[in-house]
C-alpha atoms as a PDB file:
ATOM      1  CA  MET A   1      57.764  81.502  91.385  1.00  0.00           C
ATOM      2  CA  GLY A   2      60.940  83.596  91.779  1.00  0.00           C
ATOM      3  CA  LEU A   3      61.673  83.410  88.049  1.00  0.00           C
ATOM      4  CA  ILE A   4      58.246  84.817  87.245  1.00  0.00           C
ATOM      5  CA  TRP A   5      58.878  87.795  89.500  1.00  0.00           C
ATOM      6  CA  LEU A   6      62.285  88.308  87.942  1.00  0.00           C
ATOM      7  CA  VAL A   7      60.752  88.357  84.452  1.00  0.00           C
ATOM      8  CA  LEU A   8      58.039  90.791  85.577  1.00  0.00           C
ATOM      9  CA  VAL A   9      60.609  93.104  87.147  1.00  0.00           C
ATOM     10  CA  GLY A  10      62.675  92.946  83.961  1.00  0.00           C
ATOM     11  CA  ILE A  11      59.670  93.894  81.849  1.00  0.00           C
ATOM     12  CA  GLY A  12      58.881  96.774  84.210  1.00  0.00           C
ATOM     13  CA  VAL A  13      62.448  98.048  84.068  1.00  0.00           C
ATOM     14  CA  TRP A  14      62.507  97.845  80.291  1.00  0.00           C
ATOM     15  CA  ALA A  15      59.157  99.646  80.001  1.00  0.00           C
ATOM     16  CA  LEU A  16      60.237 102.404  82.378  1.00  0.00           C
ATOM     17  CA  VAL A  17      63.423 103.071  80.445  1.00  0.00           C
ATOM     18  CA  ARG A  18      61.645 103.034  77.069  1.00  0.00           C
ATOM     19  CA  LEU A  19      58.900 105.366  78.264  1.00  0.00           C
ATOM     20  CA  GLY A  20      61.423 107.654  79.871  1.00  0.00           C
ATOM     21  CA  ARG A  21      63.439 108.029  76.708  1.00  0.00           C
ATOM     22  CA  GLN A  22      60.340 108.718  74.632  1.00  0.00           C
ATOM     23  CA  THR A  23      59.012 111.450  76.912  1.00  0.00           C
ATOM     24  CA  GLU A  24      62.301 113.076  77.861  1.00  0.00           C
ATOM     25  CA  GLY A  25      62.366 116.793  77.360  1.00  0.00           C
ATOM     26  CA  PRO A  26      63.025 119.950  79.264  1.00  0.00           C
ATOM     27  CA  ARG A  27      61.752 119.804  82.848  1.00  0.00           C
ATOM     28  CA  ARG A  28      60.768 116.130  82.485  1.00  0.00           C
ATOM     29  CA  GLY A  29      63.262 114.426  84.728  1.00  0.00           C
ATOM     30  CA  GLN A  30      60.643 112.569  86.796  1.00  0.00           C
ATOM     31  CA  TRP A  31      61.370 109.304  85.068  1.00  0.00           C
ATOM     32  CA  ARG A  32      65.026 109.593  86.051  1.00  0.00           C
ATOM     33  CA  VAL A  33      63.997 109.824  89.697  1.00  0.00           C
ATOM     34  CA  ALA A  34      61.749 106.786  89.323  1.00  0.00           C
ATOM     35  CA  ALA A  35      64.510 104.898  87.514  1.00  0.00           C
ATOM     36  CA  THR A  36      66.954 105.724  90.305  1.00  0.00           C
ATOM     37  CA  LEU A  37      64.554 104.490  92.975  1.00  0.00           C
ATOM     38  CA  ILE A  38      63.756 101.286  91.128  1.00  0.00           C
ATOM     39  CA  SER A  39      67.417 100.608  90.385  1.00  0.00           C
ATOM     40  CA  ALA A  40      68.251 101.131  94.069  1.00  0.00           C
ATOM     41  CA  ALA A  41      65.569  98.588  94.955  1.00  0.00           C
ATOM     42  CA  LEU A  42      66.929  96.161  92.356  1.00  0.00           C
ATOM     43  CA  LEU A  43      70.475  96.534  93.678  1.00  0.00           C
ATOM     44  CA  ALA A  44      69.327  96.041  97.269  1.00  0.00           C
ATOM     45  CA  GLY A  45      67.267  93.011  96.291  1.00  0.00           C
ATOM     46  CA  GLY A  46      70.208  91.587  94.386  1.00  0.00           C
ATOM     47  CA  ALA A  47      72.513  92.056  97.366  1.00  0.00           C
ATOM     48  CA  LEU A  48      69.960  90.387  99.640  1.00  0.00           C
ATOM     49  CA  ALA A  49      69.600  87.479  97.220  1.00  0.00           C
ATOM     50  CA  LEU A  50      73.377  87.064  97.082  1.00  0.00           C
ATOM     51  CA  VAL A  51      73.568  87.002 100.881  1.00  0.00           C
ATOM     52  CA  LYS A  52      70.884  84.290 100.972  1.00  0.00           C
ATOM     53  CA  GLY A  53      72.863  82.246  98.447  1.00  0.00           C
ATOM     54  CA  THR A  54      70.688  82.542  95.335  1.00  0.00           C
ATOM     55  CA  TRP A  55      73.470  83.550  92.976  1.00  0.00           C
ATOM     56  CA  ILE A  56      71.536  83.536  89.707  1.00  0.00           C
ATOM     57  CA  VAL A  57      68.652  85.680  90.964  1.00  0.00           C
ATOM     58  CA  GLY A  58      71.014  88.000  92.836  1.00  0.00           C
ATOM     59  CA  GLY A  59      73.278  88.442  89.839  1.00  0.00           C
ATOM     60  CA  ALA A  60      70.307  89.074  87.566  1.00  0.00           C
ATOM     61  CA  LEU A  61      68.851  91.697  89.926  1.00  0.00           C
ATOM     62  CA  ILE A  62      72.193  93.455  90.313  1.00  0.00           C
ATOM     63  CA  GLY A  63      72.732  93.336  86.552  1.00  0.00           C
ATOM     64  CA  ALA A  64      69.266  94.804  85.939  1.00  0.00           C
ATOM     65  CA  GLY A  65      69.868  97.502  88.545  1.00  0.00           C
ATOM     66  CA  LEU A  66      73.217  98.489  87.046  1.00  0.00           C
ATOM     67  CA  TRP A  67      71.779  98.478  83.540  1.00  0.00           C
ATOM     68  CA  MET A  68      68.938 100.739  84.660  1.00  0.00           C
ATOM     69  CA  VAL A  69      71.308 103.135  86.404  1.00  0.00           C
ATOM     70  CA  LEU A  70      73.441 103.463  83.292  1.00  0.00           C
ATOM     71  CA  SER A  71      70.615 103.644  80.768  1.00  0.00           C
ATOM     72  CA  SER A  72      68.678 106.246  82.736  1.00  0.00           C
ATOM     73  CA  ARG A  73      71.723 108.533  82.710  1.00  0.00           C
ATOM     74  CA  VAL A  74      72.180 108.509  78.940  1.00  0.00           C
ATOM     75  CA  ARG A  75      70.680 111.594  77.344  1.00  0.00           C
ATOM     76  CA  ALA A  76      69.753 111.875  73.724  1.00  0.00           C
ATOM     77  CA  VAL A  77      71.885 114.347  71.830  1.00  0.00           C
ATOM     78  CA  PRO A  78      69.716 116.798  69.908  1.00  0.00           C
ATOM     79  CA  ALA A  79      70.334 116.927  66.197  1.00  0.00           C
ATOM     80  CA  ARG A  80      72.268 119.989  65.109  1.00  0.00           C
ATOM     81  CA  ARG A  81      70.515 122.312  62.763  1.00  0.00           C
ATOM     82  CA  GLU A  82      72.192 123.692  59.695  1.00  0.00           C
ATOM     83  CA  THR A  83      73.519 127.198  60.043  1.00  0.00           C
ATOM     84  CA  LEU A  84      71.280 130.055  59.086  1.00  0.00           C
ATOM     85  CA  GLY A  85      71.810 131.881  55.853  1.00  0.00           C
ATOM     86  CA  ASP A  86      71.844 135.665  55.650  1.00  0.00           C
ATOM     87  CA  ILE A  87      68.426 135.810  54.018  1.00  0.00           C
ATOM     88  CA  GLU A  88      66.837 133.589  56.649  1.00  0.00           C
ATOM     89  CA  ALA A  89      68.542 135.469  59.491  1.00  0.00           C
ATOM     90  CA  ARG A  90      67.300 138.803  58.135  1.00  0.00           C
ATOM     91  CA  SER A  91      63.764 137.480  57.751  1.00  0.00           C
ATOM     92  CA  ILE A  92      63.760 136.171  61.333  1.00  0.00           C
ATOM     93  CA  LEU A  93      64.821 139.531  62.734  1.00  0.00           C
ATOM     94  CA  GLY A  94      62.888 141.523  60.155  1.00  0.00           C
ATOM     95  CA  VAL A  95      65.768 143.791  59.180  1.00  0.00           C
ATOM     96  CA  PRO A  96      66.683 145.028  55.694  1.00  0.00           C
ATOM     97  CA  VAL A  97      69.855 144.126  53.821  1.00  0.00           C
ATOM     98  CA  ASP A  98      71.523 147.446  54.662  1.00  0.00           C
ATOM     99  CA  ALA A  99      70.751 147.271  58.410  1.00  0.00           C
ATOM    100  CA  SER A 100      73.458 148.531  60.743  1.00  0.00           C
ATOM    101  CA  PRO A 101      74.621 146.567  63.795  1.00  0.00           C
ATOM    102  CA  GLU A 102      72.582 148.959  65.951  1.00  0.00           C
ATOM    103  CA  ASP A 103      69.443 148.174  63.913  1.00  0.00           C
ATOM    104  CA  ILE A 104      70.114 144.441  64.207  1.00  0.00           C
ATOM    105  CA  ASN A 105      70.578 144.668  67.979  1.00  0.00           C
ATOM    106  CA  ALA A 106      67.458 146.829  68.343  1.00  0.00           C
ATOM    107  CA  ALA A 107      65.372 144.311  66.372  1.00  0.00           C
ATOM    108  CA  TRP A 108      66.844 141.448  68.406  1.00  0.00           C
ATOM    109  CA  ARG A 109      66.019 143.197  71.727  1.00  0.00           C
ATOM    110  CA  ARG A 110      62.479 143.969  70.586  1.00  0.00           C
ATOM    111  CA  LEU A 111      61.794 140.388  69.496  1.00  0.00           C
ATOM    112  CA  MET A 112      63.636 138.789  72.417  1.00  0.00           C
ATOM    113  CA  GLY A 113      61.430 140.751  74.809  1.00  0.00           C
ATOM    114  CA  ARG A 114      58.522 138.694  73.530  1.00  0.00           C
ATOM    115  CA  ALA A 115      60.255 135.426  72.649  1.00  0.00           C
ATOM    116  CA  HIS A 116      62.325 134.897  75.789  1.00  0.00           C
ATOM    117  CA  PRO A 117      61.233 131.822  77.815  1.00  0.00           C
ATOM    118  CA  ASP A 118      60.842 133.987  80.937  1.00  0.00           C
ATOM    119  CA  GLN A 119      58.349 136.152  79.047  1.00  0.00           C
ATOM    120  CA  GLY A 120      56.221 133.253  77.804  1.00  0.00           C
ATOM    121  CA  GLY A 121      58.227 132.446  74.669  1.00  0.00           C
ATOM    122  CA  THR A 122      59.977 129.214  73.823  1.00  0.00           C
ATOM    123  CA  GLU A 123      63.601 128.194  74.098  1.00  0.00           C
ATOM    124  CA  GLY A 124      63.664 127.234  70.428  1.00  0.00           C
ATOM    125  CA  LEU A 125      62.485 130.620  69.215  1.00  0.00           C
ATOM    126  CA  ALA A 126      64.924 132.437  71.498  1.00  0.00           C
ATOM    127  CA  ALA A 127      67.745 130.251  70.177  1.00  0.00           C
ATOM    128  CA  ARG A 128      66.779 131.063  66.579  1.00  0.00           C
ATOM    129  CA  LEU A 129      66.760 134.772  67.352  1.00  0.00           C
ATOM    130  CA  ASN A 130      70.200 134.499  68.952  1.00  0.00           C
ATOM    131  CA  ALA A 131      71.520 132.532  65.981  1.00  0.00           C
ATOM    132  CA  ALA A 132      70.114 135.093  63.526  1.00  0.00           C
ATOM    133  CA  ARG A 133      71.681 138.003  65.417  1.00  0.00           C
ATOM    134  CA  ASP A 134      75.027 136.214  65.667  1.00  0.00           C
ATOM    135  CA  ARG A 135      74.973 135.407  61.949  1.00  0.00           C
ATOM    136  CA  LEU A 136      74.275 138.985  60.923  1.00  0.00           C
ATOM    137  CA  LEU A 137      76.746 140.591  63.310  1.00  0.00           C
ATOM    138  CA  LYS A 138      79.615 138.305  62.325  1.00  0.00           C
ATOM    139  CA  ASN A 139      79.298 139.138  58.613  1.00  0.00           C
END
């Protein structure tokens, strides 16, 4: 009976980690909290099993708990985007080829006022605006 429970716990741990990695995004750290709680329970159960003398079950529970702790802390590294070209940067900001740095900054401020995450925009759009401004001001 104990082996069945161990297999079920293992399946639950695996499912939690897989689901957590698939749904991870900004402000979605709930699965990390759940993984921490479950791994704490697995570690405590493993320690209790070791004290009672069931070495295989205790070792398996501690191993599963440690694996869950480590795997829930690994974050996916976002893929880096290619650098913007001048044409793309100008089209994002909506400035002409002969725009001065003041014109570029004015267009960036105007667009960032709408695209900033605090104003209802997205982080991705704000990052693209920043990248476009940086590209045009460094040339």
